[in-house]
C-alpha atoms as a PDB file:
ATOM      1  CA  UNK A   1       0.000   0.000   0.000  1.00  0.00           C
ATOM      2  CA  UNK A   2       1.399   3.414  -0.982  1.00  0.00           C
ATOM      3  CA  UNK A   3       2.035   5.666   2.005  1.00  0.00           C
ATOM      4  CA  UNK A   4       0.346   9.053   1.934  1.00  0.00           C
ATOM      5  CA  UNK A   5       1.700  12.323   3.310  1.00  0.00           C
ATOM      6  CA  UNK A   6       0.463  15.857   3.408  1.00  0.00           C
ATOM      7  CA  UNK A   7       3.926  17.086   2.405  1.00  0.00           C
ATOM      8  CA  UNK A   8       7.133  15.511   1.146  1.00  0.00           C
ATOM      9  CA  UNK A   9      10.231  17.655   1.672  1.00  0.00           C
ATOM     10  CA  UNK A  10      13.048  16.832  -0.735  1.00  0.00           C
ATOM     11  CA  UNK A  11      16.310  17.809   0.946  1.00  0.00           C
ATOM     12  CA  UNK A  12      17.404  17.634   4.572  1.00  0.00           C
ATOM     13  CA  UNK A  13      19.511  20.781   4.902  1.00  0.00           C
ATOM     14  CA  UNK A  14      18.619  23.964   6.749  1.00  0.00           C
ATOM     15  CA  UNK A  15      15.738  24.847   4.414  1.00  0.00           C
ATOM     16  CA  UNK A  16      14.214  21.380   4.357  1.00  0.00           C
ATOM     17  CA  UNK A  17      14.498  20.794   8.108  1.00  0.00           C
ATOM     18  CA  UNK A  18      13.108  24.230   8.907  1.00  0.00           C
ATOM     19  CA  UNK A  19      10.112  23.592   6.667  1.00  0.00           C
ATOM     20  CA  UNK A  20       9.622  20.168   8.222  1.00  0.00           C
ATOM     21  CA  UNK A  21       9.708  21.610  11.749  1.00  0.00           C
ATOM     22  CA  UNK A  22       6.940  24.097  10.992  1.00  0.00           C
ATOM     23  CA  UNK A  23       4.878  21.486   9.145  1.00  0.00           C
ATOM     24  CA  UNK A  24       5.221  18.986  11.968  1.00  0.00           C
ATOM     25  CA  UNK A  25       4.154  21.556  14.526  1.00  0.00           C
ATOM     26  CA  UNK A  26       1.136  22.298  12.326  1.00  0.00           C
ATOM     27  CA  UNK A  27       0.148  18.618  12.544  1.00  0.00           C
ATOM     28  CA  UNK A  28       0.822  17.899   8.876  1.00  0.00           C
ATOM     29  CA  UNK A  29       2.092  14.403   8.178  1.00  0.00           C
ATOM     30  CA  UNK A  30       5.493  15.109   6.647  1.00  0.00           C
ATOM     31  CA  UNK A  31       8.312  13.068   5.158  1.00  0.00           C
ATOM     32  CA  UNK A  32      11.827  14.448   4.645  1.00  0.00           C
ATOM     33  CA  UNK A  33      13.937  12.691   2.015  1.00  0.00           C
ATOM     34  CA  UNK A  34      17.582  13.483   2.701  1.00  0.00           C
ATOM     35  CA  UNK A  35      20.369  12.462   0.315  1.00  0.00           C
ATOM     36  CA  UNK A  36      22.937  13.507   2.943  1.00  0.00           C
ATOM     37  CA  UNK A  37      24.957  15.853   0.737  1.00  0.00           C
ATOM     38  CA  UNK A  38      24.831  19.326   2.348  1.00  0.00           C
ATOM     39  CA  UNK A  39      26.614  22.081   0.454  1.00  0.00           C
ATOM     40  CA  UNK A  40      28.501  23.288   3.542  1.00  0.00           C
ATOM     41  CA  UNK A  41      29.861  19.856   4.486  1.00  0.00           C
ATOM     42  CA  UNK A  42      33.509  20.867   3.786  1.00  0.00           C
ATOM     43  CA  UNK A  43      33.314  23.684   6.369  1.00  0.00           C
ATOM     44  CA  UNK A  44      34.340  23.003   9.960  1.00  0.00           C
ATOM     45  CA  UNK A  45      32.023  25.693  11.306  1.00  0.00           C
ATOM     46  CA  UNK A  46      29.199  27.898  10.109  1.00  0.00           C
ATOM     47  CA  UNK A  47      29.171  31.582  10.939  1.00  0.00           C
ATOM     48  CA  UNK A  48      26.756  34.499  11.021  1.00  0.00           C
ATOM     49  CA  UNK A  49      23.717  32.568  12.267  1.00  0.00           C
ATOM     50  CA  UNK A  50      22.559  34.311  15.439  1.00  0.00           C
ATOM     51  CA  UNK A  51      22.865  31.966  18.491  1.00  0.00           C
ATOM     52  CA  UNK A  52      24.537  29.326  16.275  1.00  0.00           C
ATOM     53  CA  UNK A  53      27.692  31.223  15.279  1.00  0.00           C
ATOM     54  CA  UNK A  54      30.629  28.812  15.131  1.00  0.00           C
ATOM     55  CA  UNK A  55      28.542  25.636  15.284  1.00  0.00           C
ATOM     56  CA  UNK A  56      29.750  22.734  13.105  1.00  0.00           C
ATOM     57  CA  UNK A  57      27.280  22.178  10.238  1.00  0.00           C
ATOM     58  CA  UNK A  58      26.915  18.475  11.077  1.00  0.00           C
ATOM     59  CA  UNK A  59      25.909  19.340  14.650  1.00  0.00           C
ATOM     60  CA  UNK A  60      23.378  21.889  13.395  1.00  0.00           C
ATOM     61  CA  UNK A  61      21.739  19.296  11.155  1.00  0.00           C
ATOM     62  CA  UNK A  62      21.760  16.631  13.886  1.00  0.00           C
ATOM     63  CA  UNK A  63      19.901  18.970  16.247  1.00  0.00           C
ATOM     64  CA  UNK A  64      17.441  19.799  13.482  1.00  0.00           C
ATOM     65  CA  UNK A  65      16.707  16.116  12.899  1.00  0.00           C
ATOM     66  CA  UNK A  66      16.069  15.615  16.599  1.00  0.00           C
ATOM     67  CA  UNK A  67      13.701  18.578  16.678  1.00  0.00           C
ATOM     68  CA  UNK A  68      11.543  17.482  13.744  1.00  0.00           C
ATOM     69  CA  UNK A  69      11.275  13.972  15.192  1.00  0.00           C
ATOM     70  CA  UNK A  70       9.554  15.420  18.289  1.00  0.00           C
ATOM     71  CA  UNK A  71       6.612  16.386  16.099  1.00  0.00           C
ATOM     72  CA  UNK A  72       6.277  13.089  14.277  1.00  0.00           C
ATOM     73  CA  UNK A  73       8.090  14.118  11.106  1.00  0.00           C
ATOM     74  CA  UNK A  74       9.687  11.155   9.386  1.00  0.00           C
ATOM     75  CA  UNK A  75      13.135  11.358   7.804  1.00  0.00           C
ATOM     76  CA  UNK A  76      14.594   8.826   5.417  1.00  0.00           C
ATOM     77  CA  UNK A  77      18.127   8.792   4.031  1.00  0.00           C
ATOM     78  CA  UNK A  78      17.422   8.338   0.343  1.00  0.00           C
ATOM     79  CA  UNK A  79      17.192  10.239  -2.921  1.00  0.00           C
ATOM     80  CA  UNK A  80      14.133  11.240  -4.935  1.00  0.00           C
ATOM     81  CA  UNK A  81      14.602  10.096  -8.523  1.00  0.00           C
ATOM     82  CA  UNK A  82      11.206  10.894 -10.003  1.00  0.00           C
ATOM     83  CA  UNK A  83       8.096  12.908  -9.260  1.00  0.00           C
ATOM     84  CA  UNK A  84       4.828  12.490 -11.145  1.00  0.00           C
ATOM     85  CA  UNK A  85       1.694  14.607 -11.039  1.00  0.00           C
ATOM     86  CA  UNK A  86      -1.653  13.085 -10.115  1.00  0.00           C
ATOM     87  CA  UNK A  87      -4.099  11.710 -12.642  1.00  0.00           C
ATOM     88  CA  UNK A  88      -5.841  14.988 -13.436  1.00  0.00           C
ATOM     89  CA  UNK A  89      -2.717  17.119 -13.230  1.00  0.00           C
ATOM     90  CA  UNK A  90      -4.351  19.581 -10.821  1.00  0.00           C
ATOM     91  CA  UNK A  91      -3.846  20.402  -7.170  1.00  0.00           C
ATOM     92  CA  UNK A  92      -7.070  19.511  -5.431  1.00  0.00           C
ATOM     93  CA  UNK A  93      -8.044  17.692  -2.270  1.00  0.00           C
ATOM     94  CA  UNK A  94      -6.251  14.360  -2.060  1.00  0.00           C
ATOM     95  CA  UNK A  95      -2.863  13.015  -3.062  1.00  0.00           C
ATOM     96  CA  UNK A  96      -1.401  14.948  -5.973  1.00  0.00           C
ATOM     97  CA  UNK A  97       2.192  13.750  -6.406  1.00  0.00           C
ATOM     98  CA  UNK A  98       3.802  10.336  -6.647  1.00  0.00           C
ATOM     99  CA  UNK A  99       7.351  10.540  -5.300  1.00  0.00           C
ATOM    100  CA  UNK A 100       9.712   7.722  -6.281  1.00  0.00           C
ATOM    101  CA  UNK A 101      12.810   7.099  -4.159  1.00  0.00           C
ATOM    102  CA  UNK A 102      16.074   5.514  -5.307  1.00  0.00           C
ATOM    103  CA  UNK A 103      15.614   2.752  -2.721  1.00  0.00           C
ATOM    104  CA  UNK A 104      12.465   1.594  -4.519  1.00  0.00           C
ATOM    105  CA  UNK A 105       9.860   3.180  -2.242  1.00  0.00           C
ATOM    106  CA  UNK A 106       7.025   5.261  -3.702  1.00  0.00           C
ATOM    107  CA  UNK A 107       4.983   7.655  -1.579  1.00  0.00           C
ATOM    108  CA  UNK A 108       2.233  10.122  -2.349  1.00  0.00           C
ATOM    109  CA  UNK A 109       1.988  13.715  -1.215  1.00  0.00           C
ATOM    110  CA  UNK A 110      -0.428  16.597  -1.545  1.00  0.00           C
ATOM    111  CA  UNK A 111       2.334  19.201  -1.613  1.00  0.00           C
ATOM    112  CA  UNK A 112       6.080  19.222  -2.264  1.00  0.00           C
ATOM    113  CA  UNK A 113       8.965  21.261  -0.912  1.00  0.00           C
ATOM    114  CA  UNK A 114      12.088  21.143  -3.072  1.00  0.00           C
ATOM    115  CA  UNK A 115      15.156  22.034  -1.009  1.00  0.00           C
ATOM    116  CA  UNK A 116      17.777  20.196  -3.030  1.00  0.00           C
ATOM    117  CA  UNK A 117      20.342  23.010  -2.902  1.00  0.00           C
ATOM    118  CA  UNK A 118      23.209  23.251  -5.336  1.00  0.00           C
ATOM    119  CA  UNK A 119      26.605  21.723  -6.030  1.00  0.00           C
ATOM    120  CA  UNK A 120      29.869  23.681  -6.111  1.00  0.00           C
ATOM    121  CA  UNK A 121      32.305  22.866  -8.937  1.00  0.00           C
ATOM    122  CA  UNK A 122      35.832  24.120  -8.280  1.00  0.00           C
ATOM    123  CA  UNK A 123      38.335  25.228 -10.931  1.00  0.00           C
ATOM    124  CA  UNK A 124      40.706  22.512 -12.078  1.00  0.00           C
ATOM    125  CA  UNK A 125      43.729  23.652 -10.098  1.00  0.00           C
ATOM    126  CA  UNK A 126      45.703  20.836  -8.444  1.00  0.00           C
ATOM    127  CA  UNK A 127      45.196  20.738  -4.691  1.00  0.00           C
ATOM    128  CA  UNK A 128      42.266  23.151  -4.654  1.00  0.00           C
ATOM    129  CA  UNK A 129      39.529  20.654  -3.817  1.00  0.00           C
ATOM    130  CA  UNK A 130      41.534  19.084  -1.001  1.00  0.00           C
ATOM    131  CA  UNK A 131      41.843  22.441   0.794  1.00  0.00           C
ATOM    132  CA  UNK A 132      38.301  23.697   0.121  1.00  0.00           C
ATOM    133  CA  UNK A 133      36.567  24.774   3.309  1.00  0.00           C
ATOM    134  CA  UNK A 134      39.879  24.976   5.189  1.00  0.00           C
ATOM    135  CA  UNK A 135      42.221  27.588   3.724  1.00  0.00           C
ATOM    136  CA  UNK A 136      40.686  27.613   0.243  1.00  0.00           C
ATOM    137  CA  UNK A 137      37.469  29.551   0.807  1.00  0.00           C
ATOM    138  CA  UNK A 138      34.677  31.156  -1.184  1.00  0.00           C
ATOM    139  CA  UNK A 139      32.656  33.373   1.165  1.00  0.00           C
ATOM    140  CA  UNK A 140      34.256  36.184   3.195  1.00  0.00           C
ATOM    141  CA  UNK A 141      31.092  36.598   5.255  1.00  0.00           C
ATOM    142  CA  UNK A 142      31.325  32.917   6.221  1.00  0.00           C
ATOM    143  CA  UNK A 143      35.073  32.768   6.907  1.00  0.00           C
ATOM    144  CA  UNK A 144      36.602  36.247   6.692  1.00  0.00           C
ATOM    145  CA  UNK A 145      36.762  36.905  10.432  1.00  0.00           C
ATOM    146  CA  UNK A 146      38.533  33.601  11.120  1.00  0.00           C
ATOM    147  CA  UNK A 147      41.333  34.371   8.624  1.00  0.00           C
ATOM    148  CA  UNK A 148      41.459  38.158   9.060  1.00  0.00           C
ATOM    149  CA  UNK A 149      44.725  40.013   8.469  1.00  0.00           C
ATOM    150  CA  UNK A 150      46.412  37.031   6.825  1.00  0.00           C
ATOM    151  CA  UNK A 151      47.920  37.173   3.320  1.00  0.00           C
ATOM    152  CA  UNK A 152      44.994  36.536   0.947  1.00  0.00           C
ATOM    153  CA  UNK A 153      44.956  35.335  -2.609  1.00  0.00           C
ATOM    154  CA  UNK A 154      41.944  35.476  -4.920  1.00  0.00           C
ATOM    155  CA  UNK A 155      41.760  33.138  -7.912  1.00  0.00           C
ATOM    156  CA  UNK A 156      40.379  34.796 -11.034  1.00  0.00           C
ATOM    157  CA  UNK A 157      38.049  32.625 -13.095  1.00  0.00           C
ATOM    158  CA  UNK A 158      35.986  35.370 -14.769  1.00  0.00           C
ATOM    159  CA  UNK A 159      35.942  39.175 -14.838  1.00  0.00           C
ATOM    160  CA  UNK A 160      33.343  39.003 -12.055  1.00  0.00           C
ATOM    161  CA  UNK A 161      36.108  37.679  -9.767  1.00  0.00           C
ATOM    162  CA  UNK A 162      37.090  41.333  -9.342  1.00  0.00           C
ATOM    163  CA  UNK A 163      34.106  41.719  -7.037  1.00  0.00           C
ATOM    164  CA  UNK A 164      35.384  38.928  -4.789  1.00  0.00           C
ATOM    165  CA  UNK A 165      38.872  40.474  -4.690  1.00  0.00           C
ATOM    166  CA  UNK A 166      37.389  43.803  -3.650  1.00  0.00           C
ATOM    167  CA  UNK A 167      35.125  42.283  -1.010  1.00  0.00           C
ATOM    168  CA  UNK A 168      37.825  40.282   0.771  1.00  0.00           C
ATOM    169  CA  UNK A 169      39.977  43.404   1.075  1.00  0.00           C
ATOM    170  CA  UNK A 170      37.768  44.343   4.034  1.00  0.00           C
ATOM    171  CA  UNK A 171      39.270  41.466   6.021  1.00  0.00           C
ATOM    172  CA  UNK A 172      42.926  41.844   4.979  1.00  0.00           C
ATOM    173  CA  UNK A 173      45.055  44.617   3.554  1.00  0.00           C
ATOM    174  CA  UNK A 174      47.396  42.075   1.927  1.00  0.00           C
ATOM    175  CA  UNK A 175      45.420  40.803  -1.068  1.00  0.00           C
ATOM    176  CA  UNK A 176      46.743  39.521  -4.387  1.00  0.00           C
ATOM    177  CA  UNK A 177      44.369  38.934  -7.259  1.00  0.00           C
ATOM    178  CA  UNK A 178      45.714  36.104  -9.411  1.00  0.00           C
ATOM    179  CA  UNK A 179      44.189  36.627 -12.842  1.00  0.00           C
ATOM    180  CA  UNK A 180      44.647  32.925 -13.737  1.00  0.00           C
ATOM    181  CA  UNK A 181      42.244  32.475 -16.696  1.00  0.00           C
ATOM    182  CA  UNK A 182      41.304  36.171 -16.853  1.00  0.00           C
ATOM    183  CA  UNK A 183      43.274  38.455 -19.151  1.00  0.00           C
ATOM    184  CA  UNK A 184      44.222  41.991 -18.188  1.00  0.00           C
ATOM    185  CA  UNK A 185      42.258  43.233 -21.198  1.00  0.00           C
ATOM    186  CA  UNK A 186      39.065  41.842 -19.662  1.00  0.00           C
ATOM    187  CA  UNK A 187      39.357  44.182 -16.692  1.00  0.00           C
ATOM    188  CA  UNK A 188      37.593  47.500 -17.106  1.00  0.00           C
ATOM    189  CA  UNK A 189      39.105  50.844 -16.175  1.00  0.00           C
ATOM    190  CA  UNK A 190      36.654  50.958 -13.272  1.00  0.00           C
ATOM    191  CA  UNK A 191      37.842  47.519 -12.115  1.00  0.00           C
ATOM    192  CA  UNK A 192      41.458  48.664 -12.151  1.00  0.00           C
ATOM    193  CA  UNK A 193      40.664  51.897 -10.315  1.00  0.00           C
ATOM    194  CA  UNK A 194      38.787  50.076  -7.592  1.00  0.00           C
ATOM    195  CA  UNK A 195      41.441  47.382  -7.198  1.00  0.00           C
ATOM    196  CA  UNK A 196      44.090  50.055  -6.846  1.00  0.00           C
ATOM    197  CA  UNK A 197      41.988  52.017  -4.359  1.00  0.00           C
ATOM    198  CA  UNK A 198      41.502  48.862  -2.270  1.00  0.00           C
ATOM    199  CA  UNK A 199      45.233  48.128  -2.346  1.00  0.00           C
ATOM    200  CA  UNK A 200      44.749  44.828  -4.181  1.00  0.00           C
ATOM    201  CA  UNK A 201      47.786  43.681  -6.190  1.00  0.00           C
ATOM    202  CA  UNK A 202      46.928  42.263  -9.625  1.00  0.00           C
ATOM    203  CA  UNK A 203      49.094  39.283 -10.618  1.00  0.00           C
ATOM    204  CA  UNK A 204      48.907  38.159 -14.279  1.00  0.00           C
ATOM    205  CA  UNK A 205      49.597  34.559 -15.197  1.00  0.00           C
ATOM    206  CA  UNK A 206      47.984  31.176 -14.702  1.00  0.00           C
ATOM    207  CA  UNK A 207      48.031  29.431 -11.328  1.00  0.00           C
ATOM    208  CA  UNK A 208      49.685  26.008 -11.559  1.00  0.00           C
ATOM    209  CA  UNK A 209      48.972  24.788  -8.044  1.00  0.00           C
ATOM    210  CA  UNK A 210      49.163  25.342  -4.316  1.00  0.00           C
ATOM    211  CA  UNK A 211      52.059  24.996  -1.913  1.00  0.00           C
ATOM    212  CA  UNK A 212      51.098  23.124   1.252  1.00  0.00           C
ATOM    213  CA  UNK A 213      53.421  22.581   4.197  1.00  0.00           C
ATOM    214  CA  UNK A 214      52.508  20.826   7.457  1.00  0.00           C
ATOM    215  CA  UNK A 215      48.908  20.608   6.258  1.00  0.00           C
ATOM    216  CA  UNK A 216      48.712  24.393   5.798  1.00  0.00           C
ATOM    217  CA  UNK A 217      48.496  26.505   2.666  1.00  0.00           C
ATOM    218  CA  UNK A 218      51.694  28.523   2.413  1.00  0.00           C
ATOM    219  CA  UNK A 219      51.776  29.662  -1.205  1.00  0.00           C
ATOM    220  CA  UNK A 220      50.280  29.943  -4.659  1.00  0.00           C
ATOM    221  CA  UNK A 221      52.527  28.815  -7.509  1.00  0.00           C
ATOM    222  CA  UNK A 222      52.275  30.227 -11.041  1.00  0.00           C
ATOM    223  CA  UNK A 223      53.088  28.477 -14.291  1.00  0.00           C
ATOM    224  CA  UNK A 224      56.340  29.373 -16.044  1.00  0.00           C
ATOM    225  CA  UNK A 225      56.893  31.876 -18.812  1.00  0.00           C
ATOM    226  CA  UNK A 226      54.761  34.835 -17.750  1.00  0.00           C
ATOM    227  CA  UNK A 227      56.046  38.389 -18.042  1.00  0.00           C
ATOM    228  CA  UNK A 228      55.497  38.933 -14.327  1.00  0.00           C
ATOM    229  CA  UNK A 229      57.904  36.275 -13.173  1.00  0.00           C
ATOM    230  CA  UNK A 230      56.074  33.083 -14.057  1.00  0.00           C
ATOM    231  CA  UNK A 231      56.872  29.956 -12.122  1.00  0.00           C
ATOM    232  CA  UNK A 232      57.312  31.976  -8.975  1.00  0.00           C
ATOM    233  CA  UNK A 233      55.554  31.222  -5.715  1.00  0.00           C
ATOM    234  CA  UNK A 234      53.599  33.885  -3.866  1.00  0.00           C
ATOM    235  CA  UNK A 235      53.422  33.389  -0.116  1.00  0.00           C
ATOM    236  CA  UNK A 236      49.723  33.206   0.771  1.00  0.00           C
ATOM    237  CA  UNK A 237      47.952  31.493   3.663  1.00  0.00           C
ATOM    238  CA  UNK A 238      44.380  31.879   2.340  1.00  0.00           C
ATOM    239  CA  UNK A 239      43.006  31.571  -1.192  1.00  0.00           C
ATOM    240  CA  UNK A 240      39.512  32.706  -2.092  1.00  0.00           C
ATOM    241  CA  UNK A 241      37.841  31.184  -5.121  1.00  0.00           C
ATOM    242  CA  UNK A 242      34.384  31.427  -6.658  1.00  0.00           C
ATOM    243  CA  UNK A 243      33.083  27.925  -7.449  1.00  0.00           C
ATOM    244  CA  UNK A 244      30.847  27.308 -10.420  1.00  0.00           C
ATOM    245  CA  UNK A 245      27.349  26.834  -9.010  1.00  0.00           C
ATOM    246  CA  UNK A 246      25.343  23.899 -10.368  1.00  0.00           C
ATOM    247  CA  UNK A 247      21.693  24.220  -9.246  1.00  0.00           C
ATOM    248  CA  UNK A 248      20.017  20.902  -8.430  1.00  0.00           C
ATOM    249  CA  UNK A 249      16.864  21.562 -10.433  1.00  0.00           C
ATOM    250  CA  UNK A 250      16.264  18.139 -11.982  1.00  0.00           C
ATOM    251  CA  UNK A 251      13.030  17.439 -10.111  1.00  0.00           C
ATOM    252  CA  UNK A 252      11.678  20.902 -10.807  1.00  0.00           C
ATOM    253  CA  UNK A 253      12.425  20.469 -14.491  1.00  0.00           C
ATOM    254  CA  UNK A 254      10.621  17.114 -14.451  1.00  0.00           C
ATOM    255  CA  UNK A 255       7.558  18.902 -13.160  1.00  0.00           C
ATOM    256  CA  UNK A 256       7.806  21.668 -15.752  1.00  0.00           C
ATOM    257  CA  UNK A 257       8.744  24.512 -13.403  1.00  0.00           C
ATOM    258  CA  UNK A 258       9.751  27.741 -15.097  1.00  0.00           C
ATOM    259  CA  UNK A 259      13.411  28.662 -14.554  1.00  0.00           C
ATOM    260  CA  UNK A 260      15.156  31.992 -14.928  1.00  0.00           C
ATOM    261  CA  UNK A 261      18.793  32.507 -15.862  1.00  0.00           C
ATOM    262  CA  UNK A 262      21.194  34.245 -13.472  1.00  0.00           C
ATOM    263  CA  UNK A 263      24.984  34.722 -13.534  1.00  0.00           C
ATOM    264  CA  UNK A 264      25.115  31.728 -11.186  1.00  0.00           C
ATOM    265  CA  UNK A 265      22.890  29.318 -13.077  1.00  0.00           C
ATOM    266  CA  UNK A 266      19.190  28.761 -13.748  1.00  0.00           C
ATOM    267  CA  UNK A 267      16.860  28.797 -10.746  1.00  0.00           C
ATOM    268  CA  UNK A 268      13.090  28.381 -10.412  1.00  0.00           C
ATOM    269  CA  UNK A 269      10.784  31.341 -10.657  1.00  0.00           C
ATOM    270  CA  UNK A 270       9.109  31.656  -7.239  1.00  0.00           C
ATOM    271  CA  UNK A 271       6.701  34.067  -5.580  1.00  0.00           C
ATOM    272  CA  UNK A 272       7.175  35.715  -2.182  1.00  0.00           C
ATOM    273  CA  UNK A 273       6.263  32.468  -0.379  1.00  0.00           C
ATOM    274  CA  UNK A 274       8.568  30.247  -2.445  1.00  0.00           C
ATOM    275  CA  UNK A 275       5.781  28.841  -4.625  1.00  0.00           C
ATOM    276  CA  UNK A 276       7.081  27.793  -8.048  1.00  0.00           C
ATOM    277  CA  UNK A 277       5.112  28.026 -11.273  1.00  0.00           C
ATOM    278  CA  UNK A 278       3.951  24.443 -10.655  1.00  0.00           C
ATOM    279  CA  UNK A 279       0.877  24.440  -8.386  1.00  0.00           C
ATOM    280  CA  UNK A 280       1.580  22.611  -5.148  1.00  0.00           C
ATOM    281  CA  UNK A 281       5.377  22.816  -5.422  1.00  0.00           C
ATOM    282  CA  UNK A 282       7.449  25.184  -3.301  1.00  0.00           C
ATOM    283  CA  UNK A 283      11.236  25.649  -3.256  1.00  0.00           C
ATOM    284  CA  UNK A 284      13.615  27.081  -0.662  1.00  0.00           C
ATOM    285  CA  UNK A 285      17.299  27.499   0.198  1.00  0.00           C
ATOM    286  CA  UNK A 286      20.001  27.196  -2.432  1.00  0.00           C
ATOM    287  CA  UNK A 287      17.392  25.568  -4.673  1.00  0.00           C
ATOM    288  CA  UNK A 288      16.191  29.122  -5.406  1.00  0.00           C
ATOM    289  CA  UNK A 289      19.482  31.024  -5.442  1.00  0.00           C
ATOM    290  CA  UNK A 290      23.259  30.924  -5.123  1.00  0.00           C
ATOM    291  CA  UNK A 291      23.528  33.411  -2.253  1.00  0.00           C
ATOM    292  CA  UNK A 292      21.167  31.713   0.228  1.00  0.00           C
ATOM    293  CA  UNK A 293      23.217  31.270   3.411  1.00  0.00           C
ATOM    294  CA  UNK A 294      22.143  28.891   6.190  1.00  0.00           C
ATOM    295  CA  UNK A 295      20.206  31.583   8.009  1.00  0.00           C
ATOM    296  CA  UNK A 296      18.395  32.559   4.792  1.00  0.00           C
ATOM    297  CA  UNK A 297      17.632  28.919   4.019  1.00  0.00           C
ATOM    298  CA  UNK A 298      16.137  28.325   7.459  1.00  0.00           C
ATOM    299  CA  UNK A 299      13.977  31.430   7.094  1.00  0.00           C
ATOM    300  CA  UNK A 300      12.881  30.368   3.615  1.00  0.00           C
ATOM    301  CA  UNK A 301      11.908  26.927   4.859  1.00  0.00           C
ATOM    302  CA  UNK A 302       9.732  28.474   7.559  1.00  0.00           C
ATOM    303  CA  UNK A 303       8.067  30.781   5.019  1.00  0.00           C
ATOM    304  CA  UNK A 304       7.357  27.921   2.616  1.00  0.00           C
ATOM    305  CA  UNK A 305       5.873  25.719   5.329  1.00  0.00           C
ATOM    306  CA  UNK A 306       3.529  28.367   6.672  1.00  0.00           C
ATOM    307  CA  UNK A 307       2.253  29.031   3.149  1.00  0.00           C
ATOM    308  CA  UNK A 308       1.644  25.315   2.590  1.00  0.00           C
ATOM    309  CA  UNK A 309      -0.293  24.956   5.846  1.00  0.00           C
ATOM    310  CA  UNK A 310      -2.591  27.796   4.814  1.00  0.00           C
ATOM    311  CA  UNK A 311      -2.929  26.417   1.275  1.00  0.00           C
ATOM    312  CA  UNK A 312      -3.936  22.952   2.488  1.00  0.00           C
ATOM    313  CA  UNK A 313      -6.434  24.385   4.946  1.00  0.00           C
ATOM    314  CA  UNK A 314      -8.140  26.595   2.367  1.00  0.00           C
ATOM    315  CA  UNK A 315      -8.217  23.761  -0.157  1.00  0.00           C
ATOM    316  CA  UNK A 316      -9.936  21.477   2.333  1.00  0.00           C
ATOM    317  CA  UNK A 317     -12.396  24.140   3.502  1.00  0.00           C
ATOM    318  CA  UNK A 318     -13.322  24.974  -0.081  1.00  0.00           C
ATOM    319  CA  UNK A 319     -13.914  21.287  -0.784  1.00  0.00           C
ATOM    320  CA  UNK A 320     -16.293  21.035   2.171  1.00  0.00           C
ATOM    321  CA  UNK A 321     -18.084  24.210   1.141  1.00  0.00           C
ATOM    322  CA  UNK A 322     -18.715  22.799  -2.343  1.00  0.00           C
ATOM    323  CA  UNK A 323     -20.434  19.682  -0.984  1.00  0.00           C
END
């Protein structure tokens, strides 16, 4: 017999757990399907979340799982591989989505929350992935305080990397912007003026790799043959890089959700509550945007859940009124 839920939440990160907490407290039978691949897993601590500043991400999620369990929310470690609309393709009273899990289980739900986040793809520089989340970082708001006043490097992957180089200069006055795959001609006069005003040194040439000693980043090594002294090593203890964001929108695309293009990938079009263009399907967290930090994701999950509770109530009341 197929199990029936009011809501299935796809994703067990901050957004998904927050939504599940509110739904559970509202007495909605809820299932969270968690693939166990949080975006911030490489980080030792998360920062900037009031009352949770410095907490390890794994501990944050463990507490969240304990909290939702108090309200009868079920959580399964699995992956959703397919979602199908109900027979009439409309959102009405009853079970409107068939949700197929990789483990072979199929459940039905009246509403869906997609909180599948995104995946970070790092530039193909040897050693970069191994240091990511330690001394290879991407977000100064997440990690800037912890590495303040150290020698920073910023890896250029596109002209937009200038923005990152300028931002991190607020946490260190020793910043070198390694152009890497960006040419000097791609930088605008405004870019150059701002970099100079911020005291950021611009270093042409491609980065060949990192220098690591005693499990610490100590330098950034350039390839040979550049006019600026290629093959040389620049002493740096922190390297900022902007990963390529890959939104996890497969399920939303299956359902026909409208997406909109951004500089950081294509994300679903949502209203102020997180409702997508597919009736009955909401999205939250990094599933709706690159810049959603943990605190934003938790807030978005709450907002989505409260909207769903109201939507289910009104749907049921309208059905009774029609009888």
